Amino acid sequence: MSEIFSPDGFLNKMVMSISDCLWTYLLLGVLVICGIYFTIRSRFVQFRMIGEMFRLLTESATKNDQGKKHVSSFHAFAVSVATRVGTGNLAGVATAISIGGPGSVFWMWVIAIIGSATSFVESTLAQLFKRRHKDSYIGGPAYYILYGMHNRWMSRLFAILLILTFGLSYNSIQSNTICSAMDEAFGFKPLLVGLAITVLSLIIVFGGIQRIARVSAVIVPIMAIGYFVLALVVVIINYELIPHIFSLIIKEAFGISQVAGGSLGATILMGVKRGLFSNEAGEGSAPNVAATASTSHPVKQGLIQALGVFTDTLLVCSCTAFIILISGLYGSSELNGIELTQKALHSEIGSSGTIFVAVAILFFAFSSIIGNYYYGEANIRFLTSNKTVMNVYRFLSGGVVVMFGALASLDIVWNIGDLFMACITICNLIAVVILGKYAFLLLDDYKSQKRRGIDPEFHADTIPQLKDDIECWD
């Protein structure tokens, strides 16, 4: 059995081959083309309205909801960032650089810039087609596929893929990274760390979205700011190396020279794969939590979620990239994943760097585990209202796969994650391209009201052809 799950085992090789095929020949082109199309079609919304994004986020963070149980726009943003800001930012960036070279960082930036437009469209659609639930709203790609495209089998396919991707396979990646970091920093055995994470995960996931939102709203800002400040200190101390690092990233991005030993194709592929894993733009994950927010216009949450992509990749991922490149350790064939990030920080600030990364990844990845779980829960509810099914899912997502990730190898958990990531993104992008026209109509409506000095509000009769399919915008 151990041979099957080993890095050189049959299962890992088969999963890696299928995943590479999907990424190289299909998803890479589709993801980039769709991002460029949405950027142009929205008239570069991610640049033109960035000021409005910050204004809306600040407004939603300070708004007094007077004890209402619904999820605020800020809490929805915090949960989505909780799943974005995690293993991909510390371990994923390190893996991309070690395999694809420093140039992969450039392609991570590119996929974030164009992906923010995709994130805007999918999150706006999630708000448009959301449904009422007990204490909050519920929605996501499965819902806009069903009520926007009237395609039941495709909506169910997406729901299943999301459960397998986020609720299960991604949580094994988060757990694997936590255990590796704790072993490197403190010598804690993966089995013991895995058991501790499992117990904590189960406590949280059985509490529901309200508890997840409250936990994420506290953890995410603290850990993101702390990590950013530390990275900024490292950059300031080594400020004379910054021009060289930017030059290195650009040269490597276009294959002018290769330091890490990879080809240009590997550089682009790793940058896009790890960029998407990190910011999730187009993957169909963030719309599930974007739909839970209570807001007066779908575009408001679309803009806030687009800002989340910038926060994740252009800020947190860049922090990790600069730390690794400043250290000069990225060329070592013996270092990969979270260990590379830890060693890089160790070389800059001493042994406390290894410990800091271990603690940071504990919070980053654990918040991702509970956020990923909620994505799966929303889609379980879409498929069935059976409480037994939900409880089984909770046990699998918060328990079984967390323990599997703790004990499995780094290669097998990442390759399984890449495979499911490719499948779910293809399914979601098909729907977003077909339904994107409604997001652009909503954007025009939003800007029209803003020009008249009105705080934008949306009503179902704005899009008459969808009036019967929209539940929450009477």
Protein backbone atom coordinates (compact mmCIF):
# COMPACT_ATOMS: atom_id res chain seq x y z
CA MET A 1 0.00 0.00 0.00
CA SER A 2 2.80 2.42 0.88
CA GLU A 3 4.34 1.88 -2.58
CA ILE A 4 1.09 2.95 -4.24
CA PHE A 5 1.10 6.31 -2.44
CA SER A 6 4.84 6.93 -2.70
CA PRO A 7 6.25 9.64 -5.02
CA ASP A 8 7.39 6.97 -7.47
CA GLY A 9 4.24 4.88 -7.12
CA PHE A 10 1.79 4.04 -9.90
CA LEU A 11 -0.99 6.28 -8.55
CA ASN A 12 1.21 9.36 -8.35
CA LYS A 13 2.63 8.85 -11.86
CA MET A 14 -0.83 8.29 -13.37
CA VAL A 15 -2.33 11.36 -11.67
CA MET A 16 0.65 13.51 -12.68
CA SER A 17 0.43 12.43 -16.35
CA ILE A 18 -3.30 13.20 -16.63
CA SER A 19 -2.88 16.51 -14.81
CA ASP A 20 0.02 17.67 -16.98
CA CYS A 21 -1.93 16.79 -20.12
CA LEU A 22 -4.97 18.82 -19.04
CA TRP A 23 -2.86 21.80 -18.01
CA THR A 24 -0.50 21.87 -20.98
CA TYR A 25 -2.93 21.33 -23.84
CA LEU A 26 -6.22 22.75 -22.60
CA LEU A 27 -6.50 24.67 -19.37
CA LEU A 28 -3.46 26.94 -19.73
CA GLY A 29 -4.74 28.50 -22.94
CA VAL A 30 -8.38 28.66 -21.85
CA LEU A 31 -7.58 30.26 -18.50
CA VAL A 32 -5.44 33.00 -20.01
CA ILE A 33 -7.77 33.67 -22.96
CA CYS A 34 -10.81 33.93 -20.67
CA GLY A 35 -8.96 36.29 -18.32
CA ILE A 36 -7.97 38.56 -21.19
CA TYR A 37 -11.53 38.46 -22.61
CA PHE A 38 -13.11 39.42 -19.28
CA THR A 39 -10.52 42.15 -18.78
CA ILE A 40 -11.32 43.74 -22.15
CA ARG A 41 -15.09 43.14 -21.96
CA SER A 42 -15.27 44.79 -18.50
CA ARG A 43 -13.09 47.62 -19.77
CA PHE A 44 -10.29 46.76 -17.36
CA VAL A 45 -12.47 46.78 -14.26
CA GLN A 46 -9.62 45.52 -12.04
CA PHE A 47 -7.68 48.73 -12.74
CA ARG A 48 -10.38 51.35 -13.24
CA MET A 49 -12.35 50.51 -10.10
CA ILE A 50 -9.62 49.55 -7.65
CA GLY A 51 -10.39 52.63 -5.58
CA GLU A 52 -14.03 51.57 -5.37
CA MET A 53 -12.91 48.09 -4.26
CA PHE A 54 -11.07 49.51 -1.25
CA ARG A 55 -13.95 51.87 -0.45
CA LEU A 56 -16.48 49.02 -0.46
CA LEU A 57 -14.26 46.79 1.67
CA THR A 58 -13.70 49.54 4.24
CA GLU A 59 -17.39 50.37 4.27
CA SER A 60 -18.45 46.75 4.79
CA ALA A 61 -15.84 46.24 7.54
CA THR A 62 -17.11 49.20 9.60
CA LYS A 63 -20.83 48.85 8.88
CA ASN A 64 -23.02 48.09 11.90
CA ASP A 65 -25.39 45.25 11.03
CA GLN A 66 -27.29 45.60 14.32
CA GLY A 67 -27.09 41.97 15.32
CA LYS A 68 -28.36 40.47 12.09
CA LYS A 69 -27.18 36.94 11.44
CA HIS A 70 -26.34 37.36 7.79
CA VAL A 71 -22.74 37.30 6.54
CA SER A 72 -21.36 40.77 5.80
CA SER A 73 -19.40 41.60 2.65
CA PHE A 74 -16.25 41.91 4.77
CA HIS A 75 -16.75 38.51 6.40
CA ALA A 76 -17.34 36.94 2.97
CA PHE A 77 -14.11 38.58 1.79
CA ALA A 78 -12.26 37.26 4.87
CA VAL A 79 -13.43 33.68 4.32
CA SER A 80 -12.47 33.72 0.63
CA VAL A 81 -9.05 35.23 1.42
CA ALA A 82 -8.64 32.62 4.14
CA THR A 83 -8.76 29.89 1.50
CA ARG A 84 -6.62 31.85 -0.94
CA VAL A 85 -3.96 32.92 1.56
CA GLY A 86 -2.52 29.62 2.67
CA THR A 87 -0.27 26.85 1.47
CA GLY A 88 -0.14 28.26 -2.05
CA ASN A 89 1.49 31.44 -0.80
CA LEU A 90 4.30 29.82 1.19
CA ALA A 91 4.76 26.26 -0.09
CA GLY A 92 3.23 26.71 -3.56
CA VAL A 93 5.43 29.67 -4.46
CA ALA A 94 8.50 27.77 -3.28
CA THR A 95 7.52 24.75 -5.40
CA ALA A 96 6.98 26.95 -8.45
CA ILE A 97 10.38 28.59 -8.08
CA SER A 98 12.25 25.34 -7.38
CA ILE A 99 10.76 23.63 -10.47
CA GLY A 100 10.04 26.48 -12.89
CA GLY A 101 12.71 28.94 -11.78
CA PRO A 102 12.39 32.60 -10.71
CA GLY A 103 10.51 33.40 -13.94
CA SER A 104 7.47 31.52 -12.66
CA VAL A 105 6.86 34.45 -10.28
CA PHE A 106 6.21 36.72 -13.27
CA TRP A 107 3.57 34.34 -14.63
CA MET A 108 1.95 34.19 -11.21
CA TRP A 109 1.63 37.98 -11.38
CA VAL A 110 0.17 37.80 -14.87
CA ILE A 111 -2.45 35.21 -13.94
CA ALA A 112 -3.42 37.32 -10.91
CA ILE A 113 -3.81 40.53 -12.91
CA ILE A 114 -6.02 39.03 -15.62
CA GLY A 115 -7.60 36.57 -13.18
CA SER A 116 -9.01 39.37 -11.05
CA ALA A 117 -11.39 40.21 -13.90
CA THR A 118 -12.49 36.56 -14.01
CA SER A 119 -13.00 36.63 -10.25
CA PHE A 120 -15.16 39.75 -10.59
CA VAL A 121 -17.43 38.07 -13.16
CA GLU A 122 -17.88 34.77 -11.33
CA SER A 123 -18.51 36.40 -7.93
CA THR A 124 -21.01 38.87 -9.42
CA LEU A 125 -22.87 35.95 -11.02
CA ALA A 126 -22.88 34.12 -7.69
CA GLN A 127 -24.58 37.13 -6.06
CA LEU A 128 -27.08 37.45 -8.90
CA PHE A 129 -28.27 33.83 -8.70
CA LYS A 130 -27.91 33.25 -4.94
CA ARG A 131 -30.74 31.65 -2.95
CA ARG A 132 -32.10 32.25 0.53
CA HIS A 133 -30.89 30.01 3.35
CA LYS A 134 -31.42 29.88 7.13
CA ASP A 135 -28.96 32.42 8.52
CA SER A 136 -27.35 33.57 5.29
CA TYR A 137 -27.62 33.25 1.55
CA ILE A 138 -26.21 30.34 -0.40
CA GLY A 139 -24.91 30.13 -3.96
CA GLY A 140 -21.96 29.60 -6.28
CA PRO A 141 -21.27 28.13 -9.71
CA ALA A 142 -23.59 25.15 -9.19
CA TYR A 143 -26.42 27.62 -8.63
CA TYR A 144 -25.68 29.96 -11.54
CA ILE A 145 -25.26 26.97 -13.84
CA LEU A 146 -28.65 25.61 -12.76
CA TYR A 147 -30.65 28.86 -12.62
CA GLY A 148 -28.73 30.82 -15.26
CA MET A 149 -28.02 28.09 -17.83
CA HIS A 150 -30.85 25.74 -16.76
CA ASN A 151 -28.41 22.86 -17.00
CA ARG A 152 -29.00 20.42 -14.14
CA TRP A 153 -26.43 17.74 -15.00
CA MET A 154 -23.61 20.29 -15.38
CA SER A 155 -24.54 22.00 -12.11
CA ARG A 156 -24.39 18.66 -10.32
CA LEU A 157 -21.07 17.83 -11.98
CA PHE A 158 -19.58 21.09 -10.76
CA ALA A 159 -20.88 20.53 -7.23
CA ILE A 160 -19.26 17.09 -7.13
CA LEU A 161 -15.98 18.42 -8.53
CA LEU A 162 -15.88 21.21 -5.97
CA ILE A 163 -16.48 18.80 -3.10
CA LEU A 164 -13.67 16.55 -4.35
CA THR A 165 -11.31 19.48 -5.03
CA PHE A 166 -11.72 21.78 -2.04
CA GLY A 167 -13.51 19.79 0.60
CA LEU A 168 -11.23 16.80 0.13
CA SER A 169 -8.03 17.01 -1.97
CA TYR A 170 -7.02 20.60 -1.10
CA ASN A 171 -7.42 19.95 2.60
CA SER A 172 -4.88 17.15 2.34
CA ILE A 173 -2.40 19.67 0.83
CA GLN A 174 -2.97 22.10 3.68
CA SER A 175 -2.49 19.37 6.28
CA ASN A 176 0.62 18.03 4.56
CA THR A 177 2.22 21.47 4.57
CA ILE A 178 1.43 22.14 8.21
CA CYS A 179 2.99 18.82 9.24
CA SER A 180 6.12 19.41 7.14
CA ALA A 181 6.60 22.88 8.62
CA MET A 182 6.11 21.73 12.20
CA ASP A 183 8.51 18.82 11.67
CA GLU A 184 11.16 21.14 10.22
CA ALA A 185 10.80 23.73 12.98
CA PHE A 186 10.10 21.66 16.09
CA GLY A 187 10.65 18.01 15.16
CA PHE A 188 6.96 17.21 15.80
CA LYS A 189 5.89 13.92 14.24
CA PRO A 190 3.33 14.22 11.38
CA LEU A 191 1.02 11.70 13.04
CA LEU A 192 0.69 13.79 16.22
CA VAL A 193 0.32 17.07 14.34
CA GLY A 194 -2.23 15.47 12.02
CA LEU A 195 -4.31 14.28 14.97
CA ALA A 196 -4.29 17.75 16.54
CA ILE A 197 -5.33 19.44 13.29
CA THR A 198 -8.06 16.86 12.78
CA VAL A 199 -9.61 17.50 16.19
CA LEU A 200 -9.54 21.28 15.75
CA SER A 201 -10.93 21.05 12.21
CA LEU A 202 -13.86 18.90 13.29
CA ILE A 203 -14.71 21.31 16.11
CA ILE A 204 -14.85 24.24 13.68
CA VAL A 205 -16.59 22.57 10.72
CA PHE A 206 -19.45 21.31 12.88
CA GLY A 207 -20.06 24.95 13.90
CA GLY A 208 -21.22 26.19 10.46
CA ILE A 209 -20.47 29.27 8.31
CA GLN A 210 -21.14 31.79 11.11
CA ARG A 211 -18.29 30.34 13.20
CA ILE A 212 -16.07 30.01 10.13
CA ALA A 213 -16.68 33.66 9.23
CA ARG A 214 -15.87 34.89 12.76
CA VAL A 215 -12.69 32.81 13.01
CA SER A 216 -11.48 33.90 9.56
CA ALA A 217 -12.22 37.57 10.19
CA VAL A 218 -9.82 37.47 13.17
CA ILE A 219 -7.08 35.17 11.87
CA VAL A 220 -6.69 36.36 8.28
CA PRO A 221 -5.83 40.05 8.85
CA ILE A 222 -3.41 39.26 11.68
CA MET A 223 -1.47 36.56 9.85
CA ALA A 224 -1.39 38.38 6.51
CA ILE A 225 -0.17 41.65 8.03
CA GLY A 226 2.41 39.87 10.20
CA TYR A 227 3.86 37.91 7.31
CA PHE A 228 3.88 40.97 5.05
CA VAL A 229 5.71 43.08 7.67
CA LEU A 230 8.36 40.39 8.14
CA ALA A 231 8.89 40.10 4.38
CA LEU A 232 9.10 43.88 4.11
CA VAL A 233 11.82 43.92 6.77
CA VAL A 234 13.80 41.30 4.81
CA VAL A 235 13.42 43.32 1.60
CA ILE A 236 14.47 46.59 3.28
CA ILE A 237 17.56 44.94 4.78
CA ASN A 238 18.50 43.65 1.32
CA TYR A 239 17.25 46.63 -0.70
CA GLU A 240 20.37 46.67 -2.88
CA LEU A 241 19.38 43.25 -4.30
CA ILE A 242 15.87 44.28 -5.41
CA PRO A 243 16.84 45.54 -8.92
CA HIS A 244 18.74 42.30 -9.51
CA ILE A 245 15.76 40.20 -8.37
CA PHE A 246 13.31 42.00 -10.66
CA SER A 247 15.77 41.59 -13.54
CA LEU A 248 16.15 37.89 -12.73
CA ILE A 249 12.38 37.32 -12.66
CA ILE A 250 11.85 39.05 -16.02
CA LYS A 251 14.76 37.28 -17.74
CA GLU A 252 13.67 33.89 -16.46
CA ALA A 253 10.03 34.53 -17.37
CA PHE A 254 10.88 34.65 -21.08
CA GLY A 255 13.56 31.97 -21.07
CA ILE A 256 16.47 34.38 -21.60
CA SER A 257 18.41 32.32 -19.06
CA GLN A 258 17.55 29.40 -16.81
CA VAL A 259 18.81 29.21 -13.24
CA ALA A 260 16.56 26.47 -11.85
CA GLY A 261 17.11 24.11 -14.75
CA GLY A 262 13.58 24.21 -16.18
CA SER A 263 12.46 25.05 -19.70
CA LEU A 264 10.33 28.07 -20.62
CA GLY A 265 7.28 25.80 -20.80
CA ALA A 266 7.88 24.56 -17.26
CA THR A 267 8.35 28.14 -16.07
CA ILE A 268 5.02 29.31 -17.49
CA LEU A 269 3.16 26.14 -16.47
CA MET A 270 4.34 26.23 -12.86
CA GLY A 271 3.66 29.96 -12.58
CA VAL A 272 0.10 29.59 -13.85
CA LYS A 273 -0.66 26.41 -11.85
CA ARG A 274 0.64 27.75 -8.57
CA GLY A 275 -0.84 31.18 -9.27
CA LEU A 276 -4.28 29.65 -9.78
CA PHE A 277 -3.94 27.41 -6.73
CA SER A 278 -3.09 30.48 -4.71
CA ASN A 279 -5.67 33.03 -5.92
CA GLU A 280 -8.35 30.60 -7.24
CA ALA A 281 -9.56 33.10 -9.89
CA GLY A 282 -11.77 31.18 -12.33
CA GLU A 283 -11.75 28.04 -10.25
CA GLY A 284 -15.28 28.61 -8.98
CA SER A 285 -14.42 28.53 -5.28
CA ALA A 286 -14.69 32.15 -4.10
CA PRO A 287 -18.20 32.56 -5.63
CA ASN A 288 -19.50 30.05 -3.08
CA VAL A 289 -18.71 32.39 -0.21
CA ALA A 290 -19.29 35.56 -2.24
CA ALA A 291 -22.91 34.48 -2.59
CA THR A 292 -23.38 34.38 1.20
CA ALA A 293 -22.83 38.14 1.59
CA SER A 294 -25.70 40.51 2.18
CA THR A 295 -25.26 43.50 -0.13
CA SER A 296 -27.40 45.94 -2.09
CA HIS A 297 -25.92 45.17 -5.51
CA PRO A 298 -24.15 42.06 -6.91
CA VAL A 299 -21.32 44.16 -8.34
CA LYS A 300 -20.26 45.27 -4.86
CA GLN A 301 -19.26 41.75 -3.85
CA GLY A 302 -17.76 41.12 -7.29
CA LEU A 303 -15.43 44.07 -6.82
CA ILE A 304 -14.49 43.04 -3.29
CA GLN A 305 -13.64 39.51 -4.42
CA ALA A 306 -11.54 40.85 -7.30
CA LEU A 307 -9.51 42.72 -4.70
CA GLY A 308 -8.91 39.40 -2.93
CA VAL A 309 -6.94 38.13 -5.93
CA PHE A 310 -4.58 41.12 -5.74
CA THR A 311 -4.23 40.68 -1.98
CA ASP A 312 -3.26 37.07 -2.37
CA THR A 313 -0.85 36.92 -5.29
CA LEU A 314 0.56 40.42 -5.76
CA LEU A 315 1.05 40.88 -2.02
CA VAL A 316 1.48 37.65 -0.05
CA CYS A 317 2.93 35.46 -2.84
CA SER A 318 5.39 38.19 -3.76
CA CYS A 319 6.52 38.32 -0.14
CA THR A 320 7.47 34.65 -0.24
CA ALA A 321 9.10 34.97 -3.67
CA PHE A 322 11.35 37.85 -2.58
CA ILE A 323 12.41 36.04 0.60
CA ILE A 324 13.39 32.94 -1.39
CA LEU A 325 15.17 34.83 -4.19
CA ILE A 326 17.06 37.07 -1.76
CA SER A 327 18.33 33.98 0.07
CA GLY A 328 19.73 32.46 -3.13
CA LEU A 329 18.65 28.96 -2.04
CA TYR A 330 16.15 28.41 -4.86
CA GLY A 331 18.69 26.52 -6.98
CA SER A 332 19.07 23.69 -4.44
CA SER A 333 17.62 20.41 -5.69
CA GLU A 334 17.26 19.19 -2.10
CA LEU A 335 14.81 21.91 -1.03
CA ASN A 336 11.18 22.17 -2.13
CA GLY A 337 7.84 23.24 -0.73
CA ILE A 338 7.57 24.77 2.71
CA GLU A 339 11.08 23.63 3.70
CA LEU A 340 12.56 25.96 1.06
CA THR A 341 10.61 28.91 2.46
CA GLN A 342 11.72 28.05 5.98
CA LYS A 343 15.39 27.69 5.03
CA ALA A 344 15.24 30.95 3.06
CA LEU A 345 13.88 32.89 6.02
CA HIS A 346 16.32 31.11 8.34
CA SER A 347 19.20 32.40 6.22
CA GLU A 348 17.94 35.98 6.66
CA ILE A 349 16.83 36.24 10.29
CA GLY A 350 18.20 33.09 11.91
CA SER A 351 16.47 30.11 13.49
CA SER A 352 13.47 32.21 14.48
CA GLY A 353 12.62 32.37 10.76
CA THR A 354 11.97 28.64 10.60
CA ILE A 355 9.73 28.85 13.66
CA PHE A 356 7.87 31.89 12.34
CA VAL A 357 7.05 30.16 9.05
CA ALA A 358 5.83 27.08 10.93
CA VAL A 359 3.49 29.20 13.05
CA ALA A 360 2.38 31.29 10.06
CA ILE A 361 1.61 28.24 7.92
CA LEU A 362 -0.33 26.75 10.82
CA PHE A 363 -2.70 29.72 10.74
CA PHE A 364 -2.64 30.19 6.96
CA ALA A 365 -3.33 26.55 6.18
CA PHE A 366 -5.75 25.91 9.02
CA SER A 367 -7.93 28.84 7.98
CA SER A 368 -7.83 27.39 4.46
CA ILE A 369 -8.98 24.01 5.77
CA ILE A 370 -12.09 25.44 7.36
CA GLY A 371 -12.79 27.72 4.39
CA ASN A 372 -12.38 24.84 1.94
CA TYR A 373 -14.73 22.78 4.05
CA TYR A 374 -17.44 25.42 3.70
CA TYR A 375 -17.14 25.42 -0.09
CA GLY A 376 -17.86 21.70 -0.01
CA GLU A 377 -20.72 22.11 2.47
CA ALA A 378 -22.48 24.64 0.24
CA ASN A 379 -22.37 22.18 -2.63
CA ILE A 380 -23.43 19.20 -0.52
CA ARG A 381 -26.54 21.26 0.33
CA PHE A 382 -27.04 21.87 -3.37
CA LEU A 383 -27.05 18.13 -4.07
CA THR A 384 -29.01 16.88 -1.06
CA SER A 385 -30.60 17.93 2.23
CA ASN A 386 -29.84 14.57 3.84
CA LYS A 387 -28.21 15.26 7.24
CA THR A 388 -26.40 11.92 7.24
CA VAL A 389 -24.65 12.77 3.98
CA MET A 390 -23.62 16.14 5.43
CA ASN A 391 -22.23 14.60 8.59
CA VAL A 392 -20.28 12.01 6.58
CA TYR A 393 -18.83 14.84 4.48
CA ARG A 394 -17.86 16.78 7.61
CA PHE A 395 -16.07 13.74 8.97
CA LEU A 396 -14.25 13.15 5.68
CA SER A 397 -13.28 16.79 5.07
CA GLY A 398 -12.28 17.70 8.60
CA GLY A 399 -11.00 14.28 9.62
CA VAL A 400 -10.04 11.60 7.11
CA VAL A 401 -8.38 13.72 4.40
CA VAL A 402 -6.61 15.86 7.00
CA MET A 403 -5.00 12.72 8.40
CA PHE A 404 -4.25 11.43 4.90
CA GLY A 405 -2.44 14.66 4.05
CA ALA A 406 -0.45 14.47 7.27
CA LEU A 407 0.91 11.03 6.37
CA ALA A 408 1.13 11.18 2.54
CA SER A 409 4.07 12.47 0.48
CA LEU A 410 4.27 16.05 -0.82
CA ASP A 411 4.21 14.92 -4.46
CA ILE A 412 1.05 12.83 -4.24
CA VAL A 413 -1.08 15.48 -2.49
CA TRP A 414 -0.01 18.24 -4.88
CA ASN A 415 -0.53 16.13 -8.00
CA ILE A 416 -4.01 15.05 -6.90
CA GLY A 417 -4.83 18.70 -6.18
CA ASP A 418 -3.57 19.81 -9.62
CA LEU A 419 -5.71 17.20 -11.36
CA PHE A 420 -8.95 18.23 -9.65
CA MET A 421 -8.06 21.91 -10.02
CA ALA A 422 -7.86 21.49 -13.80
CA CYS A 423 -11.21 19.68 -14.01
CA ILE A 424 -13.16 22.12 -11.86
CA THR A 425 -11.72 25.20 -13.58
CA ILE A 426 -12.66 23.96 -17.04
CA CYS A 427 -16.23 23.29 -15.89
CA ASN A 428 -16.59 26.70 -14.25
CA LEU A 429 -15.06 28.71 -17.10
CA ILE A 430 -17.54 27.25 -19.59
CA ALA A 431 -20.40 28.57 -17.47
CA VAL A 432 -18.78 31.94 -16.74
CA VAL A 433 -18.15 32.62 -20.43
CA ILE A 434 -21.78 31.82 -21.29
CA LEU A 435 -23.27 33.86 -18.42
CA GLY A 436 -20.68 36.65 -18.34
CA LYS A 437 -22.94 38.99 -20.33
CA TYR A 438 -25.15 39.40 -17.24
CA ALA A 439 -22.19 40.46 -15.10
CA PHE A 440 -21.36 43.17 -17.64
CA LEU A 441 -24.98 44.36 -17.66
CA LEU A 442 -24.83 44.61 -13.88
CA LEU A 443 -21.55 46.53 -14.05
CA ASP A 444 -23.12 49.06 -16.43
CA ASP A 445 -26.12 49.39 -14.11
CA TYR A 446 -23.83 49.91 -11.12
CA LYS A 447 -21.78 52.62 -12.83
CA SER A 448 -24.92 54.33 -14.10
CA GLN A 449 -26.30 54.64 -10.57
CA LYS A 450 -22.94 55.83 -9.25
CA ARG A 451 -22.84 58.59 -11.87
CA ARG A 452 -26.25 59.77 -10.62
CA GLY A 453 -24.91 59.93 -7.07
CA ILE A 454 -26.93 56.92 -5.89
CA ASP A 455 -25.69 54.14 -3.63
CA PRO A 456 -26.31 51.34 -6.16
CA GLU A 457 -29.18 48.93 -5.57
CA PHE A 458 -30.18 46.09 -7.85
CA HIS A 459 -33.71 44.87 -8.56
CA ALA A 460 -34.72 41.80 -10.53
CA ASP A 461 -36.69 43.77 -13.15
CA THR A 462 -33.40 45.34 -14.32
CA ILE A 463 -32.83 42.12 -16.29
CA PRO A 464 -36.40 41.09 -17.29
CA GLN A 465 -35.35 37.87 -19.02
CA LEU A 466 -33.94 36.56 -15.72
CA LYS A 467 -36.70 37.76 -13.40
CA ASP A 468 -38.13 34.27 -12.86
CA ASP A 469 -34.67 32.83 -12.11
CA ILE A 470 -33.64 35.42 -9.51
CA GLU A 471 -34.83 34.76 -5.96
CA CYS A 472 -33.15 37.33 -3.75
CA TRP A 473 -33.49 40.60 -5.66
CA ASP A 474 -37.22 41.37 -5.57
